[in-house]
Amino acid sequence: MFGNYLIGLREGLEASLVVCILVAYLVKTGRRDALRPVWVGIAIACALSLAFGAMLEFGTQELTFEAQELLGGTLSIISVGLVTWMVFWMKRTARHLKADLHGRLDTALAMGTGALVATAFLAVGREGLETALFVWASVRASGEGSSAPLIGVLLGIGTAIVLGYLFYRGTLKINLAKFFKWTGAMLVVVAAGVLAYGVHDLQEARFLGGLGTKAFDISETIAPDSWYGTLLKGVFNFQPDPTVLQLTVWLLYLVPVLTLFLVDRGRPAPAAKVQPADPDSTPAG
């Protein structure tokens, strides 16, 4: 549940910051008339993300077992790729997010209502689709078989919305550079587990070999149905009996990616300080 809460919080906060930047810019420039098409674009992006998540969940139930595992493994690997790109992108370019979004808005304002809707849709929709795919893959990997993962995601998104509102009102100060750094690092750990599970899915689909070759088996020490086994599974997608290929892929992803992500390059970002109705002044990476 915690892993899914983290996904909802991280992705939701990025989307909240984007929305705050768009809304604050229009308010500051006296273009409140453009707020409605922006909110329409945001609503469409949210609806599309929910529809995509529902399609992933219910659209695969009629497939054969091997087809489900093949699709699940492939989408898990794709979701890990997207999330990895996202955390590095945010680390590298978030300081320029304000200027980039302002430029897009200026162009859209000159083009008309349709362009405003499209700008808001594209700005928020990417986050929503990434979240839907990664949450679906993470839930498959955790295998909790309950509503806990969904509750975790909703709580994370709800927290992100509250934080976004507080940023907009200027009542909350937080060093977003450090926040995104450490939540990004934790997401990389979660993604490593999702990647390993995706490989396991491909092995069960007989697309990859080595399903019977276990790296180790500590099921008797850490029982999967114990409270601590369930906790490790839900947070880190831990498996007590991984295959050699799973463990190899997990290590080859986690060690270099986490190292590269945690290496600081350039001058450190200043602490975030948000002024009322100007949340976009907050450094986000």
C-alpha atoms as a PDB file:
ATOM      1  CA  MET A   1       0.000   0.000   0.000  1.00  0.00           C
ATOM      2  CA  PHE A   2       2.851   2.397   0.843  1.00  0.00           C
ATOM      3  CA  GLY A   3       4.434   1.927  -2.567  1.00  0.00           C
ATOM      4  CA  ASN A   4       1.181   2.855  -4.279  1.00  0.00           C
ATOM      5  CA  TYR A   5       0.698   5.809  -1.907  1.00  0.00           C
ATOM      6  CA  LEU A   6       4.145   7.023  -2.937  1.00  0.00           C
ATOM      7  CA  ILE A   7       3.269   6.701  -6.625  1.00  0.00           C
ATOM      8  CA  GLY A   8       0.040   8.661  -6.147  1.00  0.00           C
ATOM      9  CA  LEU A   9       1.799  11.325  -4.059  1.00  0.00           C
ATOM     10  CA  ARG A  10       4.756  11.812  -6.385  1.00  0.00           C
ATOM     11  CA  GLU A  11       2.844  11.810  -9.670  1.00  0.00           C
ATOM     12  CA  GLY A  12      -0.102  13.697  -8.173  1.00  0.00           C
ATOM     13  CA  LEU A  13       2.115  16.431  -6.793  1.00  0.00           C
ATOM     14  CA  GLU A  14       3.787  16.917 -10.173  1.00  0.00           C
ATOM     15  CA  ALA A  15       0.358  17.282 -11.785  1.00  0.00           C
ATOM     16  CA  SER A  16      -0.777  19.627  -8.984  1.00  0.00           C
ATOM     17  CA  LEU A  17       2.230  21.861  -9.509  1.00  0.00           C
ATOM     18  CA  VAL A  18       1.540  22.000 -13.243  1.00  0.00           C
ATOM     19  CA  VAL A  19      -2.078  22.986 -12.575  1.00  0.00           C
ATOM     20  CA  CYS A  20      -0.970  25.630 -10.035  1.00  0.00           C
ATOM     21  CA  ILE A  21       1.471  27.135 -12.528  1.00  0.00           C
ATOM     22  CA  LEU A  22      -1.158  27.317 -15.264  1.00  0.00           C
ATOM     23  CA  VAL A  23      -3.865  28.790 -13.040  1.00  0.00           C
ATOM     24  CA  ALA A  24      -1.571  31.256 -11.238  1.00  0.00           C
ATOM     25  CA  TYR A  25      -0.171  32.579 -14.529  1.00  0.00           C
ATOM     26  CA  LEU A  26      -3.624  33.209 -15.964  1.00  0.00           C
ATOM     27  CA  VAL A  27      -4.772  34.913 -12.756  1.00  0.00           C
ATOM     28  CA  LYS A  28      -1.657  37.104 -12.559  1.00  0.00           C
ATOM     29  CA  THR A  29      -1.957  38.172 -16.192  1.00  0.00           C
ATOM     30  CA  GLY A  30      -5.645  39.014 -15.871  1.00  0.00           C
ATOM     31  CA  ARG A  31      -6.817  36.208 -18.171  1.00  0.00           C
ATOM     32  CA  ARG A  32      -9.388  34.589 -15.896  1.00  0.00           C
ATOM     33  CA  ASP A  33     -11.559  34.062 -18.978  1.00  0.00           C
ATOM     34  CA  ALA A  34      -9.062  31.393 -20.065  1.00  0.00           C
ATOM     35  CA  LEU A  35      -9.447  29.389 -16.848  1.00  0.00           C
ATOM     36  CA  ARG A  36     -12.519  27.491 -18.045  1.00  0.00           C
ATOM     37  CA  PRO A  37     -10.885  25.867 -21.114  1.00  0.00           C
ATOM     38  CA  VAL A  38      -7.843  25.050 -18.985  1.00  0.00           C
ATOM     39  CA  TRP A  39     -10.036  23.234 -16.443  1.00  0.00           C
ATOM     40  CA  VAL A  40     -11.819  21.453 -19.309  1.00  0.00           C
ATOM     41  CA  GLY A  41      -8.460  20.192 -20.583  1.00  0.00           C
ATOM     42  CA  ILE A  42      -7.503  19.026 -17.088  1.00  0.00           C
ATOM     43  CA  ALA A  43     -10.841  17.219 -16.670  1.00  0.00           C
ATOM     44  CA  ILE A  44     -10.438  15.442 -20.013  1.00  0.00           C
ATOM     45  CA  ALA A  45      -6.911  14.356 -19.027  1.00  0.00           C
ATOM     46  CA  CYS A  46      -8.182  12.936 -15.716  1.00  0.00           C
ATOM     47  CA  ALA A  47     -11.065  11.109 -17.435  1.00  0.00           C
ATOM     48  CA  LEU A  48      -8.715   9.611 -20.043  1.00  0.00           C
ATOM     49  CA  SER A  49      -6.329   8.420 -17.328  1.00  0.00           C
ATOM     50  CA  LEU A  50      -9.166   6.715 -15.444  1.00  0.00           C
ATOM     51  CA  ALA A  51     -10.431   5.101 -18.651  1.00  0.00           C
ATOM     52  CA  PHE A  52      -6.928   3.875 -19.466  1.00  0.00           C
ATOM     53  CA  GLY A  53      -6.588   2.343 -15.999  1.00  0.00           C
ATOM     54  CA  ALA A  54      -9.985   0.644 -16.308  1.00  0.00           C
ATOM     55  CA  MET A  55      -9.037  -0.723 -19.728  1.00  0.00           C
ATOM     56  CA  LEU A  56      -5.847  -2.213 -18.311  1.00  0.00           C
ATOM     57  CA  GLU A  57      -7.691  -3.778 -15.388  1.00  0.00           C
ATOM     58  CA  PHE A  58     -10.768  -5.158 -17.118  1.00  0.00           C
ATOM     59  CA  GLY A  59      -9.648  -5.458 -20.719  1.00  0.00           C
ATOM     60  CA  THR A  60      -7.156  -8.236 -19.988  1.00  0.00           C
ATOM     61  CA  GLN A  61      -9.417 -10.557 -17.995  1.00  0.00           C
ATOM     62  CA  GLU A  62     -10.619 -12.516 -21.017  1.00  0.00           C
ATOM     63  CA  LEU A  63      -7.098 -13.359 -22.194  1.00  0.00           C
ATOM     64  CA  THR A  64      -5.474 -16.734 -21.615  1.00  0.00           C
ATOM     65  CA  PHE A  65      -3.062 -17.069 -18.704  1.00  0.00           C
ATOM     66  CA  GLU A  66       0.024 -16.944 -20.906  1.00  0.00           C
ATOM     67  CA  ALA A  67      -1.328 -13.966 -22.855  1.00  0.00           C
ATOM     68  CA  GLN A  68      -2.059 -12.122 -19.593  1.00  0.00           C
ATOM     69  CA  GLU A  69       1.444 -12.790 -18.318  1.00  0.00           C
ATOM     70  CA  LEU A  70       3.027 -11.720 -21.600  1.00  0.00           C
ATOM     71  CA  LEU A  71       1.011  -8.502 -21.710  1.00  0.00           C
ATOM     72  CA  GLY A  72       1.523  -7.813 -18.014  1.00  0.00           C
ATOM     73  CA  GLY A  73       5.264  -8.381 -18.195  1.00  0.00           C
ATOM     74  CA  THR A  74       5.639  -6.200 -21.275  1.00  0.00           C
ATOM     75  CA  LEU A  75       3.597  -3.331 -19.814  1.00  0.00           C
ATOM     76  CA  SER A  76       5.460  -3.606 -16.505  1.00  0.00           C
ATOM     77  CA  ILE A  77       8.773  -3.124 -18.288  1.00  0.00           C
ATOM     78  CA  ILE A  78       7.355  -0.212 -20.310  1.00  0.00           C
ATOM     79  CA  SER A  79       6.013   1.427 -17.142  1.00  0.00           C
ATOM     80  CA  VAL A  80       9.408   1.127 -15.467  1.00  0.00           C
ATOM     81  CA  GLY A  81      11.003   2.788 -18.486  1.00  0.00           C
ATOM     82  CA  LEU A  82       8.498   5.649 -18.352  1.00  0.00           C
ATOM     83  CA  VAL A  83       8.878   6.189 -14.621  1.00  0.00           C
ATOM     84  CA  THR A  84      12.675   6.100 -14.881  1.00  0.00           C
ATOM     85  CA  TRP A  85      12.560   8.706 -17.636  1.00  0.00           C
ATOM     86  CA  MET A  86      10.127  10.785 -15.593  1.00  0.00           C
ATOM     87  CA  VAL A  87      12.231  10.970 -12.424  1.00  0.00           C
ATOM     88  CA  PHE A  88      15.358  11.919 -14.356  1.00  0.00           C
ATOM     89  CA  TRP A  89      13.408  14.415 -16.472  1.00  0.00           C
ATOM     90  CA  MET A  90      12.009  16.092 -13.385  1.00  0.00           C
ATOM     91  CA  LYS A  91      15.450  16.236 -11.793  1.00  0.00           C
ATOM     92  CA  ARG A  92      16.977  17.797 -14.910  1.00  0.00           C
ATOM     93  CA  THR A  93      14.322  20.199 -16.191  1.00  0.00           C
ATOM     94  CA  ALA A  94      11.934  21.053 -13.362  1.00  0.00           C
ATOM     95  CA  ARG A  95      13.717  24.357 -12.678  1.00  0.00           C
ATOM     96  CA  HIS A  96      12.627  25.463 -16.148  1.00  0.00           C
ATOM     97  CA  LEU A  97       9.090  24.068 -15.895  1.00  0.00           C
ATOM     98  CA  LYS A  98       7.604  27.486 -15.098  1.00  0.00           C
ATOM     99  CA  ALA A  99       9.097  29.198 -18.167  1.00  0.00           C
ATOM    100  CA  ASP A 100       8.188  26.272 -20.404  1.00  0.00           C
ATOM    101  CA  LEU A 101       4.540  26.222 -19.332  1.00  0.00           C
ATOM    102  CA  HIS A 102       4.272  30.000 -19.546  1.00  0.00           C
ATOM    103  CA  GLY A 103       5.555  29.870 -23.111  1.00  0.00           C
ATOM    104  CA  ARG A 104       3.030  27.206 -24.040  1.00  0.00           C
ATOM    105  CA  LEU A 105       0.230  29.220 -22.454  1.00  0.00           C
ATOM    106  CA  ASP A 106       1.204  32.388 -24.297  1.00  0.00           C
ATOM    107  CA  THR A 107       1.112  30.489 -27.587  1.00  0.00           C
ATOM    108  CA  ALA A 108      -2.218  28.859 -26.716  1.00  0.00           C
ATOM    109  CA  LEU A 109      -3.774  32.192 -25.680  1.00  0.00           C
ATOM    110  CA  ALA A 110      -2.885  33.595 -29.079  1.00  0.00           C
ATOM    111  CA  MET A 111      -4.406  30.587 -30.873  1.00  0.00           C
ATOM    112  CA  GLY A 112      -7.718  30.361 -29.024  1.00  0.00           C
ATOM    113  CA  THR A 113      -9.858  28.154 -26.781  1.00  0.00           C
ATOM    114  CA  GLY A 114      -9.033  24.847 -28.440  1.00  0.00           C
ATOM    115  CA  ALA A 115      -5.322  25.418 -27.984  1.00  0.00           C
ATOM    116  CA  LEU A 116      -5.842  26.196 -24.278  1.00  0.00           C
ATOM    117  CA  VAL A 117      -7.757  22.953 -23.788  1.00  0.00           C
ATOM    118  CA  ALA A 118      -5.025  21.012 -25.615  1.00  0.00           C
ATOM    119  CA  THR A 119      -2.235  22.665 -23.615  1.00  0.00           C
ATOM    120  CA  ALA A 120      -3.812  21.801 -20.263  1.00  0.00           C
ATOM    121  CA  PHE A 121      -4.694  18.304 -21.479  1.00  0.00           C
ATOM    122  CA  LEU A 122      -1.143  17.527 -22.616  1.00  0.00           C
ATOM    123  CA  ALA A 123       0.445  19.042 -19.504  1.00  0.00           C
ATOM    124  CA  VAL A 124      -1.627  16.916 -17.114  1.00  0.00           C
ATOM    125  CA  GLY A 125      -2.451  13.918 -19.299  1.00  0.00           C
ATOM    126  CA  ARG A 126       1.124  12.627 -19.443  1.00  0.00           C
ATOM    127  CA  GLU A 127       1.277  12.423 -15.662  1.00  0.00           C
ATOM    128  CA  GLY A 128      -2.112  10.717 -15.517  1.00  0.00           C
ATOM    129  CA  LEU A 129      -1.323   8.036 -18.098  1.00  0.00           C
ATOM    130  CA  GLU A 130       2.058   7.307 -16.508  1.00  0.00           C
ATOM    131  CA  THR A 131       0.387   6.997 -13.119  1.00  0.00           C
ATOM    132  CA  ALA A 132      -2.334   4.647 -14.404  1.00  0.00           C
ATOM    133  CA  LEU A 133       0.175   2.349 -16.110  1.00  0.00           C
ATOM    134  CA  PHE A 134       2.680   2.248 -13.264  1.00  0.00           C
ATOM    135  CA  VAL A 135       0.003   1.754 -10.611  1.00  0.00           C
ATOM    136  CA  TRP A 136      -1.496  -1.115 -12.600  1.00  0.00           C
ATOM    137  CA  ALA A 137       1.922  -2.744 -12.966  1.00  0.00           C
ATOM    138  CA  SER A 138       2.743  -2.177  -9.297  1.00  0.00           C
ATOM    139  CA  VAL A 139      -0.568  -3.666  -8.145  1.00  0.00           C
ATOM    140  CA  ARG A 140       0.064  -6.754 -10.291  1.00  0.00           C
ATOM    141  CA  ALA A 141       3.526  -7.069  -8.796  1.00  0.00           C
ATOM    142  CA  SER A 142       2.344  -6.669  -5.202  1.00  0.00           C
ATOM    143  CA  GLY A 143      -0.384  -9.250  -5.718  1.00  0.00           C
ATOM    144  CA  GLU A 144      -2.263  -8.074  -2.652  1.00  0.00           C
ATOM    145  CA  GLY A 145      -5.638  -9.062  -4.088  1.00  0.00           C
ATOM    146  CA  SER A 146      -7.419  -6.355  -2.087  1.00  0.00           C
ATOM    147  CA  SER A 147      -8.470  -2.746  -2.326  1.00  0.00           C
ATOM    148  CA  ALA A 148      -5.405  -1.595  -0.356  1.00  0.00           C
ATOM    149  CA  PRO A 149      -3.333  -0.602  -3.446  1.00  0.00           C
ATOM    150  CA  LEU A 150      -6.175   1.519  -4.828  1.00  0.00           C
ATOM    151  CA  ILE A 151      -6.746   3.120  -1.438  1.00  0.00           C
ATOM    152  CA  GLY A 152      -3.030   3.887  -1.240  1.00  0.00           C
ATOM    153  CA  VAL A 153      -3.047   5.582  -4.650  1.00  0.00           C
ATOM    154  CA  LEU A 154      -6.153   7.629  -3.822  1.00  0.00           C
ATOM    155  CA  LEU A 155      -4.675   8.737  -0.495  1.00  0.00           C
ATOM    156  CA  GLY A 156      -1.466   9.759  -2.270  1.00  0.00           C
ATOM    157  CA  ILE A 157      -3.345  11.750  -4.904  1.00  0.00           C
ATOM    158  CA  GLY A 158      -5.523  13.329  -2.234  1.00  0.00           C
ATOM    159  CA  THR A 159      -2.438  14.379  -0.269  1.00  0.00           C
ATOM    160  CA  ALA A 160      -0.929  15.831  -3.460  1.00  0.00           C
ATOM    161  CA  ILE A 161      -4.073  17.869  -4.157  1.00  0.00           C
ATOM    162  CA  VAL A 162      -4.036  19.311  -0.626  1.00  0.00           C
ATOM    163  CA  LEU A 163      -0.327  20.162  -0.922  1.00  0.00           C
ATOM    164  CA  GLY A 164      -0.913  21.755  -4.310  1.00  0.00           C
ATOM    165  CA  TYR A 165      -3.669  23.940  -2.907  1.00  0.00           C
ATOM    166  CA  LEU A 166      -1.475  24.989   0.032  1.00  0.00           C
ATOM    167  CA  PHE A 167       1.329  25.852  -2.396  1.00  0.00           C
ATOM    168  CA  TYR A 168      -1.073  27.968  -4.412  1.00  0.00           C
ATOM    169  CA  ARG A 169      -2.285  29.838  -1.345  1.00  0.00           C
ATOM    170  CA  GLY A 170       1.296  30.368  -0.188  1.00  0.00           C
ATOM    171  CA  THR A 171       0.633  28.800   3.220  1.00  0.00           C
ATOM    172  CA  LEU A 172       3.129  25.957   2.873  1.00  0.00           C
ATOM    173  CA  LYS A 173       6.885  26.089   2.380  1.00  0.00           C
ATOM    174  CA  ILE A 174       8.857  22.977   1.497  1.00  0.00           C
ATOM    175  CA  ASN A 175      12.139  22.194  -0.190  1.00  0.00           C
ATOM    176  CA  LEU A 176      10.735  20.511  -3.273  1.00  0.00           C
ATOM    177  CA  ALA A 177      14.218  19.784  -4.575  1.00  0.00           C
ATOM    178  CA  LYS A 178      14.844  17.427  -1.657  1.00  0.00           C
ATOM    179  CA  PHE A 179      11.286  16.121  -1.739  1.00  0.00           C
ATOM    180  CA  PHE A 180      11.494  15.073  -5.379  1.00  0.00           C
ATOM    181  CA  LYS A 181      14.994  13.714  -4.883  1.00  0.00           C
ATOM    182  CA  TRP A 182      14.086  11.304  -2.097  1.00  0.00           C
ATOM    183  CA  THR A 183      10.656  10.320  -3.401  1.00  0.00           C
ATOM    184  CA  GLY A 184      12.295   9.768  -6.776  1.00  0.00           C
ATOM    185  CA  ALA A 185      14.884   7.506  -5.164  1.00  0.00           C
ATOM    186  CA  MET A 186      12.144   5.495  -3.455  1.00  0.00           C
ATOM    187  CA  LEU A 187      10.268   5.247  -6.745  1.00  0.00           C
ATOM    188  CA  VAL A 188      13.385   3.799  -8.362  1.00  0.00           C
ATOM    189  CA  VAL A 189      13.406   1.089  -5.662  1.00  0.00           C
ATOM    190  CA  VAL A 190       9.719   0.366  -6.297  1.00  0.00           C
ATOM    191  CA  ALA A 191      10.360   0.338 -10.051  1.00  0.00           C
ATOM    192  CA  ALA A 192      13.152  -2.217  -9.600  1.00  0.00           C
ATOM    193  CA  GLY A 193      10.668  -4.580  -7.965  1.00  0.00           C
ATOM    194  CA  VAL A 194       8.098  -3.982 -10.719  1.00  0.00           C
ATOM    195  CA  LEU A 195      10.783  -4.694 -13.344  1.00  0.00           C
ATOM    196  CA  ALA A 196      11.779  -7.952 -11.654  1.00  0.00           C
ATOM    197  CA  TYR A 197       8.153  -9.015 -11.460  1.00  0.00           C
ATOM    198  CA  GLY A 198       7.677  -8.116 -15.122  1.00  0.00           C
ATOM    199  CA  VAL A 199      10.555 -10.440 -15.979  1.00  0.00           C
ATOM    200  CA  HIS A 200       8.877 -13.155 -13.897  1.00  0.00           C
ATOM    201  CA  ASP A 201       5.663 -12.625 -15.885  1.00  0.00           C
ATOM    202  CA  LEU A 202       7.573 -13.096 -19.140  1.00  0.00           C
ATOM    203  CA  GLN A 203       9.092 -16.268 -17.737  1.00  0.00           C
ATOM    204  CA  GLU A 204       5.656 -17.602 -16.818  1.00  0.00           C
ATOM    205  CA  ALA A 205       4.482 -16.721 -20.337  1.00  0.00           C
ATOM    206  CA  ARG A 206       7.389 -18.862 -21.614  1.00  0.00           C
ATOM    207  CA  PHE A 207       8.767 -15.851 -23.459  1.00  0.00           C
ATOM    208  CA  LEU A 208      11.903 -16.011 -21.291  1.00  0.00           C
ATOM    209  CA  GLY A 209      13.510 -19.117 -19.832  1.00  0.00           C
ATOM    210  CA  GLY A 210      14.898 -19.878 -16.402  1.00  0.00           C
ATOM    211  CA  LEU A 211      11.616 -20.020 -14.478  1.00  0.00           C
ATOM    212  CA  GLY A 212      12.765 -23.047 -12.484  1.00  0.00           C
ATOM    213  CA  THR A 213      16.231 -21.686 -11.712  1.00  0.00           C
ATOM    214  CA  LYS A 214      15.945 -19.999  -8.317  1.00  0.00           C
ATOM    215  CA  ALA A 215      18.575 -17.603  -7.018  1.00  0.00           C
ATOM    216  CA  PHE A 216      17.542 -18.470  -3.446  1.00  0.00           C
ATOM    217  CA  ASP A 217      14.446 -19.468  -1.519  1.00  0.00           C
ATOM    218  CA  ILE A 218      13.827 -18.004   1.946  1.00  0.00           C
ATOM    219  CA  SER A 219      10.080 -18.649   1.973  1.00  0.00           C
ATOM    220  CA  GLU A 220      10.373 -20.514   5.280  1.00  0.00           C
ATOM    221  CA  THR A 221      12.183 -17.563   6.874  1.00  0.00           C
ATOM    222  CA  ILE A 222      10.038 -14.818   5.330  1.00  0.00           C
ATOM    223  CA  ALA A 223       6.657 -16.396   4.690  1.00  0.00           C
ATOM    224  CA  PRO A 224       4.786 -14.590   1.887  1.00  0.00           C
ATOM    225  CA  ASP A 225       1.547 -14.662   3.906  1.00  0.00           C
ATOM    226  CA  SER A 226       3.118 -13.249   7.085  1.00  0.00           C
ATOM    227  CA  TRP A 227       2.596  -9.614   8.036  1.00  0.00           C
ATOM    228  CA  TYR A 228       6.232  -8.723   7.346  1.00  0.00           C
ATOM    229  CA  GLY A 229       6.242 -10.722   4.110  1.00  0.00           C
ATOM    230  CA  THR A 230       3.104  -8.884   3.001  1.00  0.00           C
ATOM    231  CA  LEU A 231       4.682  -5.556   4.019  1.00  0.00           C
ATOM    232  CA  LEU A 232       7.855  -6.234   2.029  1.00  0.00           C
ATOM    233  CA  LYS A 233       5.807  -7.378  -0.931  1.00  0.00           C
ATOM    234  CA  GLY A 234       3.546  -4.333  -0.855  1.00  0.00           C
ATOM    235  CA  VAL A 235       6.331  -1.772  -0.431  1.00  0.00           C
ATOM    236  CA  PHE A 236       9.252  -3.230  -2.383  1.00  0.00           C
ATOM    237  CA  ASN A 237       7.583  -6.016  -4.421  1.00  0.00           C
ATOM    238  CA  PHE A 238       9.877  -8.376  -2.511  1.00  0.00           C
ATOM    239  CA  GLN A 239       9.811 -12.024  -3.559  1.00  0.00           C
ATOM    240  CA  PRO A 240      11.358 -14.662  -1.247  1.00  0.00           C
ATOM    241  CA  ASP A 241      12.156 -17.052  -4.122  1.00  0.00           C
ATOM    242  CA  PRO A 242      13.260 -15.020  -7.170  1.00  0.00           C
ATOM    243  CA  THR A 243      14.747 -16.610 -10.227  1.00  0.00           C
ATOM    244  CA  VAL A 244      18.359 -15.965 -11.157  1.00  0.00           C
ATOM    245  CA  LEU A 245      17.222 -13.806 -14.078  1.00  0.00           C
ATOM    246  CA  GLN A 246      14.910 -11.748 -11.846  1.00  0.00           C
ATOM    247  CA  LEU A 247      17.644 -11.066  -9.331  1.00  0.00           C
ATOM    248  CA  THR A 248      20.146 -10.209 -12.070  1.00  0.00           C
ATOM    249  CA  VAL A 249      17.780  -7.759 -13.750  1.00  0.00           C
ATOM    250  CA  TRP A 250      16.867  -6.220 -10.381  1.00  0.00           C
ATOM    251  CA  LEU A 251      20.516  -5.570  -9.524  1.00  0.00           C
ATOM    252  CA  LEU A 252      21.455  -4.359 -13.031  1.00  0.00           C
ATOM    253  CA  TYR A 253      18.644  -1.815 -12.869  1.00  0.00           C
ATOM    254  CA  LEU A 254      18.679  -0.701  -9.233  1.00  0.00           C
ATOM    255  CA  VAL A 255      22.398  -0.172  -8.577  1.00  0.00           C
ATOM    256  CA  PRO A 256      23.339   2.007 -11.595  1.00  0.00           C
ATOM    257  CA  VAL A 257      20.012   3.860 -11.869  1.00  0.00           C
ATOM    258  CA  LEU A 258      19.841   4.729  -8.170  1.00  0.00           C
ATOM    259  CA  THR A 259      23.505   5.773  -8.167  1.00  0.00           C
ATOM    260  CA  LEU A 260      23.067   8.022 -11.203  1.00  0.00           C
ATOM    261  CA  PHE A 261      19.895   9.544  -9.772  1.00  0.00           C
ATOM    262  CA  LEU A 262      21.417  10.381  -6.396  1.00  0.00           C
ATOM    263  CA  VAL A 263      24.548  11.967  -7.868  1.00  0.00           C
ATOM    264  CA  ASP A 264      24.207  15.748  -7.602  1.00  0.00           C
ATOM    265  CA  ARG A 265      25.450  17.733 -10.557  1.00  0.00           C
ATOM    266  CA  GLY A 266      25.681  21.486 -10.723  1.00  0.00           C
ATOM    267  CA  ARG A 267      24.814  23.921  -8.005  1.00  0.00           C
ATOM    268  CA  PRO A 268      22.212  22.872  -5.435  1.00  0.00           C
ATOM    269  CA  ALA A 269      18.736  24.298  -5.844  1.00  0.00           C
ATOM    270  CA  PRO A 270      17.627  26.909  -3.304  1.00  0.00           C
ATOM    271  CA  ALA A 271      15.018  25.981  -0.744  1.00  0.00           C
ATOM    272  CA  ALA A 272      11.474  26.293  -2.007  1.00  0.00           C
ATOM    273  CA  LYS A 273       9.615  29.409  -0.974  1.00  0.00           C
ATOM    274  CA  VAL A 274       6.168  29.881  -2.418  1.00  0.00           C
ATOM    275  CA  GLN A 275       4.450  33.236  -2.480  1.00  0.00           C
ATOM    276  CA  PRO A 276       0.651  33.528  -2.431  1.00  0.00           C
ATOM    277  CA  ALA A 277      -0.973  32.930  -5.821  1.00  0.00           C
ATOM    278  CA  ASP A 278       2.457  32.271  -7.361  1.00  0.00           C
ATOM    279  CA  PRO A 279       3.231  28.570  -6.765  1.00  0.00           C
ATOM    280  CA  ASP A 280       5.199  28.375  -9.980  1.00  0.00           C
ATOM    281  CA  SER A 281       8.087  30.222  -8.357  1.00  0.00           C
ATOM    282  CA  THR A 282       8.865  27.064  -6.407  1.00  0.00           C
ATOM    283  CA  PRO A 283      11.958  25.186  -7.626  1.00  0.00           C
ATOM    284  CA  ALA A 284      10.831  21.593  -8.237  1.00  0.00           C
ATOM    285  CA  GLY A 285      14.006  19.740  -8.931  1.00  0.00           C
END
